[in-house]
Amino acid sequence: MTDVRAGLGRQSATAFDEACRHLVGGVNSPVRAFGAVGGTPVFMASGCGSSITDVDGRTYIDYVGSWGPLVLGHAHPRVVAAVQEAAAKGTSFGAPTEAESTLARMIVERVPSIEAVRLVNSGTEACMSAIRLARGFTGRSKIVKFAGCYHGHVDALLVEAGSGALTFGTPSSPGVTESVAGDTLVASFNDADAVARLFEQVGAEIAAMLVEPIAGNMGLVLPADGFLERLRSLCTEHGALLVFDEVMTGFRVAAGGAQSLYGVSPDVTCLGKIVGGGLPLAAYGGRREVMERLSPEGPVYQAGTLSGNPIATAAGIATLSELDDGVYATLTSRSAILEEGLISAARDVRLPLQVTRVGSMLGMFFADGPVVDLDSAKRSDTRAYATFFHAMLERGVYLAPSQFECAFVSAAHTEDDIDVTVAAARESLAVVARS
């Protein structure tokens, strides 16, 4: 494994030393620290289109895309112009603006299940608020989540599977209390029968089931045939709300998100990333009768000084305005070429690489068999991924610094970008095969 300090990023190493003096761990989000792959984080200076340039002046084809929001690529001219125009008029008002209504209307028009929306600042805030809303609407306390699905750093959702027939959760982070975790039930992704048994035992106490319809936080894991439909049926039968976390998949896998691909309508949808065009903005929305339980129309309280910030809404409007059928067709076709290239390259060097893809989201697992849940994801060879990551970095391709994250193709990625990436992958996979 190559240590970036050894030559690839000397200025990044200096920048990281300085960051560690003032920031906890030198970063503001843990995965950026390169703990899963080793080496020193690469500090970025600028981005344009499909590429980013680090503080050492080295340019990379970028498949992180700020972890998904930059579906149009870096510094898209219309997004930049919209942000500049909005900022010149004022950065925040703490009062309603017409742009908030415009963005809300665009969301309602695109996402099949959403009739009313509340804008917030992050995916974490959207999921946290959706849980409170579900509890307020149903009068129940328990929620169901799935092992390996991440919904932000909400106490009730930083929970791992516990022991016992009901799989009551246990805290997965210090600072999360047993009492909070005790209201969270953890099931295995793609195991609908286990979810059915859970509902049979405590269904009358469950306020909501929260799920990534396409799991993107244990790597990219697809829902099994009929899985999402079964979840919808169970929630309907037992009076619980089905909440889709489409923070990652919303406006990414299709204009209407994963729910439009699979034809399953949740009661509440959480959105983030693309909806803010790369700025801090998120949303949750759903059936009007559910959303009207929120203050000021109902008793469930949620508020935020910067919610619907004019600069963020401008970026979101500009981004969604660019996403038409042609853009999605291009995203899908180029992502498919990348997928096929990775599969072919791994086959040529006889490496067990599982490649998953939906639209412009891709996952790579160094594993012998299909990945369908957290347990099978954990059987992946993370050391092989770390070697692959650094080999790709040396060849000018920036991937997520963790086996359990996704790659994102943007509308700015060209056919040449894909060809260069596949060529780099062939060389990098050969390095893994020899290691």
Protein backbone atom coordinates (compact mmCIF):
# COMPACT_ATOMS: atom_id res chain seq x y z
CA MET A 1 0.00 0.00 0.00
CA THR A 2 1.30 3.43 -0.91
CA ASP A 3 1.49 6.03 1.83
CA VAL A 4 0.61 9.40 0.34
CA ARG A 5 3.24 10.99 2.61
CA ALA A 6 5.89 9.04 0.76
CA GLY A 7 5.52 11.13 -2.37
CA LEU A 8 2.05 11.48 -3.83
CA GLY A 9 0.95 14.45 -1.73
CA ARG A 10 3.60 16.26 0.27
CA GLN A 11 1.57 19.47 0.50
CA SER A 12 -1.46 17.42 1.54
CA ALA A 13 0.65 15.90 4.31
CA THR A 14 1.61 19.39 5.49
CA ALA A 15 -2.00 20.52 5.29
CA PHE A 16 -3.12 17.49 7.29
CA ASP A 17 -0.54 18.19 10.01
CA GLU A 18 -1.90 21.74 10.29
CA ALA A 19 -5.50 20.50 10.32
CA CYS A 20 -4.74 18.08 13.14
CA ARG A 21 -3.70 21.05 15.29
CA HIS A 22 -7.15 22.58 15.14
CA LEU A 23 -9.68 19.99 13.91
CA VAL A 24 -10.54 16.77 15.72
CA GLY A 25 -8.69 14.06 13.81
CA GLY A 26 -7.78 16.65 11.20
CA VAL A 27 -11.16 16.29 9.46
CA ASN A 28 -14.81 17.26 9.84
CA SER A 29 -16.21 13.87 8.82
CA PRO A 30 -14.48 10.61 9.77
CA VAL A 31 -14.31 8.85 6.38
CA ARG A 32 -12.20 11.72 5.03
CA ALA A 33 -9.35 10.71 7.33
CA PHE A 34 -8.38 7.72 5.12
CA GLY A 35 -8.57 5.45 8.15
CA ALA A 36 -10.04 2.62 6.07
CA VAL A 37 -7.36 2.71 3.37
CA GLY A 38 -4.29 4.10 5.13
CA GLY A 39 -2.12 7.02 4.15
CA THR A 40 -2.68 10.75 4.43
CA PRO A 41 -5.88 12.41 3.18
CA VAL A 42 -5.60 14.28 -0.09
CA PHE A 43 -6.50 17.94 0.40
CA MET A 44 -8.45 19.40 -2.51
CA ALA A 45 -8.00 22.90 -3.90
CA SER A 46 -10.51 23.08 -6.76
CA GLY A 47 -12.88 21.16 -8.98
CA CYS A 48 -14.11 21.57 -12.54
CA GLY A 49 -16.44 19.24 -14.41
CA SER A 50 -15.45 15.63 -13.76
CA SER A 51 -12.10 16.48 -12.17
CA ILE A 52 -10.66 17.74 -8.91
CA THR A 53 -7.21 19.19 -8.26
CA ASP A 54 -5.35 18.81 -4.98
CA VAL A 55 -3.10 21.27 -3.18
CA ASP A 56 -0.07 19.66 -4.83
CA GLY A 57 -1.48 20.48 -8.26
CA ARG A 58 -2.34 16.90 -9.17
CA THR A 59 -5.66 16.40 -10.99
CA TYR A 60 -7.91 13.38 -10.61
CA ILE A 61 -11.02 12.06 -12.34
CA ASP A 62 -13.46 12.24 -9.45
CA TYR A 63 -15.98 9.50 -8.62
CA VAL A 64 -16.82 10.77 -5.13
CA GLY A 65 -18.59 13.91 -6.28
CA SER A 66 -18.84 15.25 -2.73
CA TRP A 67 -20.40 11.88 -1.82
CA GLY A 68 -23.12 12.15 -4.43
CA PRO A 69 -24.53 15.70 -4.69
CA LEU A 70 -22.54 16.81 -7.74
CA VAL A 71 -24.56 14.98 -10.38
CA LEU A 72 -23.74 17.76 -12.86
CA GLY A 73 -20.05 17.79 -11.97
CA HIS A 74 -17.94 20.37 -10.16
CA ALA A 75 -18.59 24.09 -10.56
CA HIS A 76 -21.34 23.69 -13.14
CA PRO A 77 -21.69 27.16 -14.74
CA ARG A 78 -25.44 27.50 -14.17
CA VAL A 79 -25.19 26.38 -10.56
CA VAL A 80 -22.30 28.76 -9.90
CA ALA A 81 -24.21 31.64 -11.53
CA ALA A 82 -27.34 30.88 -9.49
CA VAL A 83 -25.35 30.83 -6.25
CA GLN A 84 -23.56 34.08 -7.08
CA GLU A 85 -26.81 35.82 -7.97
CA ALA A 86 -28.52 34.64 -4.79
CA ALA A 87 -25.57 35.57 -2.55
CA ALA A 88 -25.51 39.08 -4.00
CA LYS A 89 -29.09 39.56 -2.82
CA GLY A 90 -28.48 38.34 0.72
CA THR A 91 -27.17 35.17 2.31
CA SER A 92 -29.97 34.52 4.80
CA PHE A 93 -33.21 36.12 5.92
CA GLY A 94 -34.87 33.83 8.44
CA ALA A 95 -38.05 34.69 6.58
CA PRO A 96 -39.88 33.00 3.67
CA THR A 97 -38.61 33.40 0.11
CA GLU A 98 -40.24 32.46 -3.18
CA ALA A 99 -37.29 30.20 -4.00
CA GLU A 100 -38.29 27.85 -1.18
CA SER A 101 -41.71 27.38 -2.77
CA THR A 102 -40.15 26.88 -6.20
CA LEU A 103 -37.84 24.14 -4.97
CA ALA A 104 -40.64 22.48 -3.01
CA ARG A 105 -42.85 22.46 -6.11
CA MET A 106 -40.04 20.88 -8.16
CA ILE A 107 -39.66 18.13 -5.57
CA VAL A 108 -43.41 17.41 -5.46
CA GLU A 109 -43.58 17.28 -9.26
CA ARG A 110 -40.74 14.77 -9.50
CA VAL A 111 -41.15 12.41 -6.53
CA PRO A 112 -44.31 10.31 -6.87
CA SER A 113 -45.20 9.92 -3.19
CA ILE A 114 -44.56 13.48 -1.99
CA GLU A 115 -47.49 15.87 -1.62
CA ALA A 116 -45.93 18.35 0.83
CA VAL A 117 -42.35 19.15 1.83
CA ARG A 118 -40.31 20.61 4.67
CA LEU A 119 -36.82 21.90 3.81
CA VAL A 120 -33.97 21.32 6.28
CA ASN A 121 -30.17 21.50 6.21
CA SER A 122 -28.83 17.93 6.06
CA GLY A 123 -29.80 14.34 5.45
CA THR A 124 -29.25 13.63 9.13
CA GLU A 125 -31.73 16.36 10.04
CA ALA A 126 -34.26 15.05 7.52
CA CYS A 127 -34.12 11.50 8.91
CA MET A 128 -34.22 12.68 12.53
CA SER A 129 -37.26 14.81 11.79
CA ALA A 130 -39.00 12.03 9.86
CA ILE A 131 -38.74 9.76 12.90
CA ARG A 132 -40.22 12.38 15.18
CA LEU A 133 -43.01 13.01 12.69
CA ALA A 134 -43.79 9.30 12.42
CA ARG A 135 -43.98 8.96 16.18
CA GLY A 136 -46.19 12.03 16.43
CA PHE A 137 -48.48 10.78 13.66
CA THR A 138 -48.88 7.22 14.95
CA GLY A 139 -48.59 7.76 18.69
CA ARG A 140 -46.09 4.87 18.82
CA SER A 141 -42.48 4.79 19.95
CA LYS A 142 -40.52 2.04 18.20
CA ILE A 143 -38.82 2.24 14.81
CA VAL A 144 -37.25 -0.37 12.56
CA LYS A 145 -34.00 0.09 10.67
CA PHE A 146 -31.73 -2.26 8.76
CA ALA A 147 -28.19 -3.29 9.60
CA GLY A 148 -25.78 -1.54 7.27
CA CYS A 149 -28.15 1.28 6.32
CA TYR A 150 -26.88 4.65 7.53
CA HIS A 151 -29.29 7.52 8.10
CA GLY A 152 -27.01 10.14 9.59
CA HIS A 153 -25.67 10.52 13.10
CA VAL A 154 -29.07 10.47 14.80
CA ASP A 155 -28.96 8.80 18.23
CA ALA A 156 -31.86 6.48 17.48
CA LEU A 157 -30.23 5.39 14.21
CA LEU A 158 -26.64 4.89 15.42
CA VAL A 159 -27.69 1.45 16.49
CA GLU A 160 -26.48 -2.03 15.62
CA ALA A 161 -28.25 -5.35 15.85
CA GLY A 162 -28.62 -6.63 19.39
CA SER A 163 -29.27 -10.13 20.65
CA GLY A 164 -32.62 -11.76 21.27
CA ALA A 165 -35.66 -12.71 19.25
CA LEU A 166 -36.76 -9.14 18.66
CA THR A 167 -33.31 -7.89 17.65
CA PHE A 168 -33.61 -4.82 19.86
CA GLY A 169 -30.79 -2.48 18.99
CA THR A 170 -27.74 -1.68 21.04
CA PRO A 171 -25.77 1.60 20.81
CA SER A 172 -23.04 1.60 18.18
CA SER A 173 -21.45 4.80 19.48
CA PRO A 174 -20.64 6.12 22.94
CA GLY A 175 -23.08 8.88 23.78
CA VAL A 176 -26.08 6.92 22.53
CA THR A 177 -28.02 5.71 25.54
CA GLU A 178 -29.45 2.24 26.01
CA SER A 179 -32.92 3.73 26.47
CA VAL A 180 -32.77 5.46 23.07
CA ALA A 181 -31.39 2.38 21.35
CA GLY A 182 -34.04 0.25 23.01
CA ASP A 183 -36.75 1.83 20.87
CA THR A 184 -34.92 0.82 17.69
CA LEU A 185 -35.36 -2.62 16.16
CA VAL A 186 -32.69 -3.80 13.72
CA ALA A 187 -33.40 -6.19 10.86
CA SER A 188 -31.25 -7.66 8.09
CA PHE A 189 -31.51 -5.97 4.70
CA ASN A 190 -33.27 -8.16 2.12
CA ASP A 191 -34.69 -10.51 4.77
CA ALA A 192 -38.40 -9.75 4.49
CA ASP A 193 -39.43 -12.89 6.40
CA ALA A 194 -37.50 -11.73 9.48
CA VAL A 195 -39.20 -8.34 9.25
CA ALA A 196 -42.57 -10.05 9.07
CA ARG A 197 -41.81 -12.03 12.23
CA LEU A 198 -40.78 -8.82 13.97
CA PHE A 199 -44.07 -7.15 13.07
CA GLU A 200 -46.00 -10.19 14.25
CA GLN A 201 -44.51 -9.75 17.71
CA VAL A 202 -44.47 -5.96 18.22
CA GLY A 203 -46.20 -4.47 15.19
CA ALA A 204 -48.65 -2.46 17.30
CA GLU A 205 -45.71 -0.56 18.85
CA ILE A 206 -43.88 0.31 15.61
CA ALA A 207 -44.21 3.90 14.41
CA ALA A 208 -42.06 3.62 11.30
CA MET A 209 -39.69 1.51 9.29
CA LEU A 210 -36.75 3.47 7.84
CA VAL A 211 -34.83 2.00 4.92
CA GLU A 212 -32.53 2.96 2.09
CA PRO A 213 -34.47 1.48 -0.86
CA ILE A 214 -31.08 0.94 -2.48
CA ALA A 215 -28.51 0.58 0.26
CA GLY A 216 -25.53 2.84 -0.36
CA ASN A 217 -23.73 2.93 2.96
CA MET A 218 -22.39 -0.61 3.14
CA GLY A 219 -21.31 -0.30 -0.46
CA LEU A 220 -24.06 -0.47 -3.08
CA VAL A 221 -26.48 -3.28 -2.21
CA LEU A 222 -29.60 -3.76 -4.31
CA PRO A 223 -32.99 -4.73 -2.91
CA ALA A 224 -34.02 -8.30 -3.67
CA ASP A 225 -37.02 -8.85 -5.89
CA GLY A 226 -40.17 -8.15 -3.89
CA PHE A 227 -38.33 -6.91 -0.79
CA LEU A 228 -39.52 -3.30 -0.92
CA GLU A 229 -43.04 -4.37 -1.87
CA ARG A 230 -43.15 -6.64 1.18
CA LEU A 231 -42.02 -3.80 3.45
CA ARG A 232 -44.79 -1.62 2.05
CA SER A 233 -47.36 -4.34 2.68
CA LEU A 234 -46.21 -4.97 6.25
CA CYS A 235 -46.30 -1.28 7.15
CA THR A 236 -49.76 -0.88 5.68
CA GLU A 237 -51.05 -3.95 7.47
CA HIS A 238 -49.73 -2.89 10.87
CA GLY A 239 -50.36 0.86 10.65
CA ALA A 240 -46.69 1.88 10.62
CA LEU A 241 -45.20 4.50 8.30
CA LEU A 242 -42.74 3.41 5.63
CA VAL A 243 -39.93 5.96 5.38
CA PHE A 244 -37.55 5.84 2.41
CA ASP A 245 -34.14 7.40 2.97
CA GLU A 246 -33.43 8.65 -0.54
CA VAL A 247 -30.77 11.12 0.56
CA MET A 248 -28.37 9.30 -1.76
CA THR A 249 -30.70 7.87 -4.42
CA GLY A 250 -33.06 10.84 -4.77
CA PHE A 251 -32.63 12.44 -8.23
CA ARG A 252 -29.61 10.19 -8.70
CA VAL A 253 -30.90 6.79 -9.89
CA ALA A 254 -33.91 8.37 -11.62
CA ALA A 255 -35.79 11.65 -11.67
CA GLY A 256 -38.26 10.25 -9.14
CA GLY A 257 -35.69 8.38 -7.10
CA ALA A 258 -35.59 4.68 -6.27
CA GLN A 259 -39.31 4.63 -5.50
CA SER A 260 -40.09 5.46 -9.12
CA LEU A 261 -37.79 2.67 -10.33
CA TYR A 262 -39.35 0.01 -8.11
CA GLY A 263 -42.91 1.32 -8.08
CA VAL A 264 -43.18 1.39 -4.28
CA SER A 265 -44.63 4.45 -2.53
CA PRO A 266 -43.39 5.28 0.97
CA ASP A 267 -45.35 7.46 3.37
CA VAL A 268 -42.38 9.77 3.93
CA THR A 269 -39.25 10.35 1.85
CA CYS A 270 -35.98 11.88 3.07
CA LEU A 271 -33.94 13.74 0.46
CA GLY A 272 -30.52 15.38 0.50
CA LYS A 273 -27.32 15.72 -1.52
CA ILE A 274 -28.52 16.43 -5.10
CA VAL A 275 -31.56 18.38 -3.92
CA GLY A 276 -29.16 21.04 -2.61
CA GLY A 277 -26.86 21.08 -5.63
CA GLY A 278 -23.76 20.67 -3.47
CA LEU A 279 -24.81 23.12 -0.75
CA PRO A 280 -26.17 22.21 2.72
CA LEU A 281 -29.84 21.53 2.02
CA ALA A 282 -32.13 18.54 2.50
CA ALA A 283 -35.83 17.83 2.70
CA TYR A 284 -38.42 15.38 3.89
CA GLY A 285 -41.90 15.06 2.50
CA GLY A 286 -44.77 12.70 2.02
CA ARG A 287 -48.50 12.26 2.21
CA ARG A 288 -50.21 15.52 3.07
CA GLU A 289 -52.11 14.07 6.03
CA VAL A 290 -48.80 12.97 7.55
CA MET A 291 -46.90 16.17 6.80
CA GLU A 292 -49.70 18.34 8.21
CA ARG A 293 -48.86 16.99 11.66
CA LEU A 294 -45.82 19.30 11.57
CA SER A 295 -45.88 22.68 13.29
CA PRO A 296 -47.31 25.23 12.56
CA GLU A 297 -50.21 23.15 11.19
CA GLY A 298 -49.85 20.36 13.74
CA PRO A 299 -48.26 19.60 17.10
CA VAL A 300 -44.96 17.98 15.97
CA TYR A 301 -42.26 20.62 16.36
CA GLN A 302 -39.30 21.08 14.04
CA ALA A 303 -37.54 24.31 13.08
CA GLY A 304 -34.26 25.67 11.71
CA THR A 305 -32.79 29.12 11.28
CA LEU A 306 -31.10 28.29 7.97
CA SER A 307 -33.77 25.91 6.61
CA GLY A 308 -34.55 26.93 3.03
CA ASN A 309 -31.46 29.13 2.88
CA PRO A 310 -31.64 31.26 -0.31
CA ILE A 311 -28.18 30.31 -1.57
CA ALA A 312 -28.80 26.59 -1.06
CA THR A 313 -32.24 26.71 -2.64
CA ALA A 314 -30.78 28.54 -5.64
CA ALA A 315 -28.23 25.75 -6.13
CA GLY A 316 -30.93 23.11 -5.76
CA ILE A 317 -33.25 24.76 -8.28
CA ALA A 318 -30.43 25.21 -10.80
CA THR A 319 -29.38 21.56 -10.43
CA LEU A 320 -32.85 20.04 -10.73
CA SER A 321 -33.57 22.28 -13.72
CA GLU A 322 -30.72 20.62 -15.63
CA LEU A 323 -31.81 17.05 -14.94
CA ASP A 324 -33.91 15.92 -17.90
CA ASP A 325 -34.38 12.55 -19.58
CA GLY A 326 -31.36 13.11 -21.79
CA VAL A 327 -29.07 13.69 -18.82
CA TYR A 328 -30.29 10.53 -17.08
CA ALA A 329 -29.83 8.50 -20.28
CA THR A 330 -26.24 9.71 -20.57
CA LEU A 331 -25.52 9.06 -16.90
CA THR A 332 -26.84 5.51 -17.19
CA SER A 333 -25.07 4.64 -20.43
CA ARG A 334 -21.67 5.90 -19.30
CA SER A 335 -22.03 4.23 -15.92
CA ALA A 336 -22.88 0.96 -17.66
CA ILE A 337 -19.69 1.21 -19.72
CA LEU A 338 -17.69 1.77 -16.53
CA GLU A 339 -19.39 -1.20 -14.87
CA GLU A 340 -18.64 -3.49 -17.80
CA GLY A 341 -15.04 -2.29 -17.93
CA LEU A 342 -14.46 -3.02 -14.24
CA ILE A 343 -15.98 -6.49 -14.53
CA SER A 344 -13.87 -7.29 -17.58
CA ALA A 345 -10.67 -5.98 -15.97
CA ALA A 346 -11.20 -8.08 -12.84
CA ARG A 347 -11.97 -11.17 -14.92
CA ASP A 348 -8.76 -10.76 -16.89
CA VAL A 349 -6.64 -10.93 -13.72
CA ARG A 350 -8.93 -13.50 -12.08
CA LEU A 351 -9.87 -11.33 -9.12
CA PRO A 352 -13.18 -11.91 -7.30
CA LEU A 353 -14.73 -8.48 -7.77
CA GLN A 354 -18.47 -7.94 -7.43
CA VAL A 355 -19.66 -4.81 -9.24
CA THR A 356 -23.14 -3.46 -8.52
CA ARG A 357 -24.85 -0.57 -10.26
CA VAL A 358 -28.12 1.32 -10.40
CA GLY A 359 -28.23 4.31 -12.74
CA SER A 360 -25.09 6.35 -12.04
CA MET A 361 -24.30 4.74 -8.65
CA LEU A 362 -21.73 1.94 -8.53
CA GLY A 363 -20.36 -0.37 -5.86
CA MET A 364 -17.28 -2.59 -5.84
CA PHE A 365 -16.75 -5.49 -3.45
CA PHE A 366 -13.64 -7.64 -3.38
CA ALA A 367 -15.73 -10.68 -2.50
CA ASP A 368 -16.25 -14.20 -3.84
CA GLY A 369 -20.03 -14.05 -4.01
CA PRO A 370 -22.97 -11.67 -4.29
CA VAL A 371 -23.39 -9.03 -1.57
CA VAL A 372 -26.98 -8.86 -0.33
CA ASP A 373 -26.70 -7.53 3.23
CA LEU A 374 -24.26 -6.25 5.84
CA ASP A 375 -22.92 -9.69 6.75
CA SER A 376 -21.99 -10.52 3.16
CA ALA A 377 -20.56 -7.00 2.67
CA LYS A 378 -18.31 -7.50 5.69
CA ARG A 379 -16.79 -10.58 4.05
CA SER A 380 -15.21 -8.32 1.42
CA ASP A 381 -11.42 -8.03 1.34
CA THR A 382 -10.89 -4.49 2.62
CA ARG A 383 -7.11 -4.76 2.28
CA ALA A 384 -7.49 -5.50 -1.41
CA TYR A 385 -9.72 -2.45 -1.76
CA ALA A 386 -7.14 -0.28 0.03
CA THR A 387 -4.45 -1.44 -2.40
CA PHE A 388 -6.77 -0.78 -5.32
CA PHE A 389 -7.70 2.66 -3.99
CA HIS A 390 -4.10 3.82 -3.74
CA ALA A 391 -3.17 2.32 -7.12
CA MET A 392 -6.05 4.23 -8.70
CA LEU A 393 -5.06 7.40 -6.85
CA GLU A 394 -1.54 7.13 -8.28
CA ARG A 395 -3.08 6.83 -11.74
CA GLY A 396 -5.21 9.93 -11.36
CA VAL A 397 -8.56 8.46 -10.32
CA TYR A 398 -10.18 9.47 -7.05
CA LEU A 399 -12.49 6.89 -5.46
CA ALA A 400 -14.14 6.76 -2.07
CA PRO A 401 -11.53 5.99 0.62
CA SER A 402 -13.58 3.07 1.93
CA GLN A 403 -14.76 -0.29 0.62
CA PHE A 404 -18.21 0.44 2.00
CA GLU A 405 -19.02 3.56 -0.02
CA CYS A 406 -20.28 4.15 -3.56
CA ALA A 407 -18.83 5.64 -6.71
CA PHE A 408 -20.83 8.30 -8.54
CA VAL A 409 -20.72 9.18 -12.22
CA SER A 410 -21.67 12.75 -13.12
CA ALA A 411 -23.03 14.32 -16.27
CA ALA A 412 -19.60 15.92 -16.69
CA HIS A 413 -17.82 12.58 -17.07
CA THR A 414 -16.94 12.07 -20.72
CA GLU A 415 -16.42 8.86 -22.66
CA ASP A 416 -12.69 9.59 -22.52
CA ASP A 417 -12.91 9.85 -18.71
CA ILE A 418 -14.51 6.42 -18.58
CA ASP A 419 -11.90 4.94 -20.93
CA VAL A 420 -9.05 6.39 -18.84
CA THR A 421 -10.67 5.07 -15.66
CA VAL A 422 -11.08 1.55 -17.05
CA ALA A 423 -7.46 1.53 -18.22
CA ALA A 424 -6.33 2.67 -14.76
CA ALA A 425 -8.50 -0.03 -13.18
CA ARG A 426 -6.89 -2.72 -15.33
CA GLU A 427 -3.45 -1.71 -14.10
CA SER A 428 -4.61 -1.27 -10.51
CA LEU A 429 -6.40 -4.61 -10.35
CA ALA A 430 -3.22 -6.23 -11.65
CA VAL A 431 -1.40 -4.60 -8.71
CA VAL A 432 -4.00 -6.09 -6.33
CA ALA A 433 -3.64 -9.53 -7.94
CA ARG A 434 0.13 -9.44 -7.39
CA SER A 435 -0.07 -8.25 -3.79
